[in-house]
Protein backbone atom coordinates (compact mmCIF):
# COMPACT_ATOMS: atom_id res chain seq x y z
CA MET A 1 -22.91 103.25 29.14
CA LYS A 2 -19.60 103.32 27.18
CA PRO A 3 -17.44 102.65 30.27
CA ALA A 4 -19.66 99.74 31.25
CA LEU A 5 -19.45 98.27 27.73
CA GLN A 6 -15.66 98.70 27.75
CA GLN A 7 -15.41 96.89 31.05
CA ILE A 8 -17.51 94.02 29.71
CA GLN A 9 -15.27 93.84 26.60
CA ASN A 10 -12.14 93.84 28.74
CA SER A 11 -13.55 91.07 30.96
CA ALA A 12 -14.51 88.99 27.93
CA ASP A 13 -11.03 89.46 26.44
CA ARG A 14 -9.35 88.41 29.73
CA MET A 15 -11.58 85.34 29.97
CA SER A 16 -10.87 84.37 26.33
CA HIS A 17 -7.13 84.78 26.93
CA LEU A 18 -7.28 82.67 30.12
CA THR A 19 -9.28 79.92 28.39
CA THR A 20 -6.78 79.82 25.51
CA GLN A 21 -3.82 79.68 27.96
CA LEU A 22 -5.41 76.80 29.91
CA LEU A 23 -6.07 74.84 26.73
CA VAL A 24 -2.51 75.28 25.57
CA LEU A 25 -1.21 74.32 29.02
CA ALA A 26 -3.31 71.15 28.93
CA ARG A 27 -2.07 70.35 25.42
CA SER A 28 1.56 70.87 26.47
CA GLU A 29 1.46 68.44 29.38
CA PRO A 30 3.12 65.09 28.72
CA ILE A 31 0.87 62.26 27.67
CA SER A 32 1.55 58.58 28.12
CA GLY A 33 2.39 57.91 24.44
CA GLY A 34 4.47 61.04 24.14
CA TYR A 35 4.42 63.53 21.33
CA GLU A 36 5.48 62.93 17.80
CA LEU A 37 7.84 65.81 17.10
CA LEU A 38 8.14 66.50 13.39
CA PRO A 39 10.48 68.75 11.42
CA VAL A 40 9.29 72.40 11.72
CA ASP A 41 10.86 75.29 9.80
CA ILE A 42 11.36 77.61 12.78
CA VAL A 43 12.36 80.50 10.44
CA LYS A 44 9.03 80.39 8.61
CA LEU A 45 7.08 79.94 11.86
CA ALA A 46 8.88 82.78 13.71
CA ARG A 47 8.71 85.19 10.74
CA GLN A 48 4.94 84.68 10.28
CA THR A 49 4.21 84.87 13.99
CA SER A 50 6.29 88.02 14.38
CA MET A 51 4.47 89.61 11.40
CA ASP A 52 1.12 88.72 13.02
CA TRP A 53 2.14 90.63 16.16
CA VAL A 54 3.40 93.79 14.50
CA PRO A 55 -0.03 95.53 14.70
CA LYS A 56 -0.19 94.96 18.45
CA ALA A 57 3.36 96.31 18.87
CA LEU A 58 2.47 99.35 16.79
CA GLN A 59 -0.47 100.13 19.09
CA ARG A 60 2.17 100.83 21.77
CA ASN A 61 4.57 102.51 19.26
CA MET A 62 6.97 99.63 19.70
CA GLU A 63 9.33 98.41 17.03
CA LEU A 64 9.27 94.65 16.47
CA SER A 65 12.21 93.46 14.36
CA PHE A 66 13.04 90.00 13.02
CA GLU A 67 16.42 88.60 12.10
CA SER A 68 17.12 85.10 10.81
CA PRO A 69 19.06 83.05 8.30
CA GLU A 70 17.63 83.27 4.77
CA GLU A 71 17.24 79.54 4.38
CA ALA A 72 14.97 77.19 6.33
CA LEU A 73 16.06 76.04 9.79
CA TYR A 74 14.38 72.85 10.94
CA VAL A 75 13.88 71.67 14.51
CA GLN A 76 12.02 68.67 15.75
CA GLY A 77 8.79 70.00 17.26
CA ASP A 78 5.08 70.52 17.41
CA GLU A 79 4.30 73.53 15.21
CA ILE A 80 1.20 74.61 17.15
CA LEU A 81 2.99 74.56 20.50
CA LEU A 82 6.10 76.35 19.16
CA ARG A 83 3.86 79.06 17.74
CA GLU A 84 2.11 79.40 21.09
CA LEU A 85 5.50 79.62 22.83
CA LEU A 86 6.49 82.54 20.61
CA VAL A 87 3.05 84.14 20.96
CA ASN A 88 3.45 84.09 24.76
CA LEU A 89 6.92 85.63 24.56
CA LEU A 90 5.78 88.39 22.17
CA ASP A 91 2.65 89.06 24.21
CA ASN A 92 4.82 89.49 27.36
CA ALA A 93 7.33 91.73 25.61
CA ILE A 94 4.57 93.99 24.25
CA SER A 95 2.41 93.95 27.43
CA TYR A 96 5.25 94.61 29.89
CA GLY A 97 7.65 96.60 27.76
CA TYR A 98 7.90 100.37 27.48
CA ASP A 99 5.82 102.40 25.06
CA ASN A 100 8.13 103.37 22.18
CA GLY A 101 10.30 100.38 23.10
CA ASN A 102 11.97 97.69 20.97
CA ILE A 103 11.52 93.97 20.61
CA TRP A 104 13.89 91.74 18.71
CA VAL A 105 13.15 88.21 17.50
CA LYS A 106 16.31 86.48 16.32
CA LEU A 107 17.15 83.02 15.06
CA HIS A 108 20.64 81.60 14.98
CA ARG A 109 21.78 78.39 13.35
CA TYR A 110 25.18 77.72 14.97
CA PRO A 111 26.32 75.93 17.01
CA VAL A 112 22.71 74.69 17.50
CA PRO A 113 19.39 76.33 16.55
CA CYS A 114 18.45 79.13 18.94
CA LEU A 115 15.34 81.34 19.09
CA THR A 116 15.84 84.60 21.01
CA VAL A 117 13.18 87.15 22.03
CA GLU A 118 14.62 90.27 23.61
CA ASP A 119 13.20 93.59 24.67
CA ASP A 120 14.43 96.85 26.23
CA GLY A 121 11.63 97.10 28.77
CA PRO A 122 11.99 97.21 32.60
CA GLY A 123 12.97 93.54 32.82
CA ILE A 124 12.23 91.04 35.54
CA PRO A 125 13.69 91.82 39.00
CA ASP A 126 16.37 89.33 40.08
CA SER A 127 14.30 88.42 43.14
CA GLU A 128 11.47 87.23 40.85
CA LEU A 129 13.45 85.23 38.25
CA ASP A 130 12.66 81.83 39.77
CA ARG A 131 8.99 82.56 40.52
CA VAL A 132 7.94 83.82 37.05
CA PHE A 133 7.74 80.22 35.80
CA GLU A 134 5.16 79.22 38.41
CA ARG A 135 1.58 78.84 37.19
CA PHE A 136 -0.64 81.80 37.97
CA TYR A 137 2.19 83.84 39.46
CA ARG A 138 2.39 87.49 38.55
CA ILE A 139 5.05 89.92 39.78
CA PRO A 140 3.40 92.10 42.40
CA GLY A 141 2.49 95.51 41.00
CA SER A 142 3.11 94.51 37.37
CA PRO A 143 0.92 96.20 34.74
CA GLY A 144 -1.30 94.41 32.28
CA ASN A 145 -4.11 91.92 32.55
CA GLY A 146 -2.16 88.67 32.30
CA CYS A 147 -3.20 85.58 34.21
CA GLY A 148 0.30 84.42 35.20
CA LEU A 149 0.43 81.46 32.85
CA GLY A 150 2.54 82.74 29.95
CA LEU A 151 6.06 81.86 31.08
CA SER A 152 4.99 78.62 32.76
CA ILE A 153 3.53 77.57 29.37
CA VAL A 154 6.71 78.65 27.59
CA LYS A 155 8.80 76.57 30.02
CA GLU A 156 6.59 73.49 29.62
CA ILE A 157 6.71 73.72 25.82
CA ALA A 158 10.48 74.17 25.91
CA ASP A 159 10.78 71.08 28.18
CA LEU A 160 8.54 69.07 25.85
CA HIS A 161 10.90 69.97 22.97
CA LYS A 162 13.93 69.13 25.12
CA ALA A 163 15.07 72.71 24.47
CA ARG A 164 17.17 74.63 26.99
CA PHE A 165 15.39 77.76 28.17
CA GLU A 166 17.53 80.67 29.38
CA LEU A 167 16.24 83.90 30.89
CA SER A 168 18.59 86.83 31.31
CA LYS A 169 18.77 90.62 31.39
CA SER A 170 18.89 92.40 28.06
CA GLY A 171 21.64 94.97 27.98
CA ILE A 172 22.80 97.44 30.63
CA LYS A 173 19.42 99.19 31.10
CA GLY A 174 17.47 96.05 31.91
CA GLY A 175 14.95 94.43 29.64
CA THR A 176 14.49 90.72 29.23
CA ARG A 177 16.20 88.25 26.95
CA ILE A 178 14.89 84.71 26.50
CA ASP A 179 16.83 82.12 24.52
CA LEU A 180 15.28 78.80 23.49
CA ILE A 181 18.17 76.57 22.54
CA PHE A 182 17.30 73.39 20.60
CA GLU A 183 19.85 70.73 21.49
CA LYS A 184 20.45 68.24 18.75
C-alpha cells in the first residue's frame, strides 16, 4: 500500500509542477499591450527566493550560498516572473546537480546588473546547449521528473525583461553557469 500511495503522491506532485509551469509560461508570453515593468529590488527578491530553497538543497546535502551587494539593486521588471525565473534555475540546479554539491546565487552591480546561478553538477553537454531552451525538451537519460519547460520559461522571462541570457560551463569540472544580464 505504501509504494502505491508514494506513486500517487509523486504523480500529483509532477502534475502540480507541470500546471504551475504552464501557467507561468502563459503569463510570460507577450500580450498586445505589453507589460508594465516596474522597479524591482533584485537583491531582496533573490535573497528571499534563495532562502526559500535552502531546505530543498539540504535534502540533497547541497550548499546553497548567496552573494550580493548590501544595498538595494533595482531592475525594471515583473516581480512574480523574476521570482519564477530564479525558482526554475534553483530547481534545475538542485534537481540535476550532485548530492553534496554546491550552488551559488550571485548578484553584481557593475557594469550592469547581473544575476548569476552557478552549480558544480554534471553540466549540460555541448551537443544539447541549443536544445535545452525548447519547450518540453529533456536531455535524454537525465534524472529527475521535470517536464522540460524550466529553461524555456527562463528564456522567455529573460526576453520579456530585455535581459541577455548566457549559459556556460561552470569551472573546469563542468557544472552550469547562467547569467541574466539586465541591459540598461
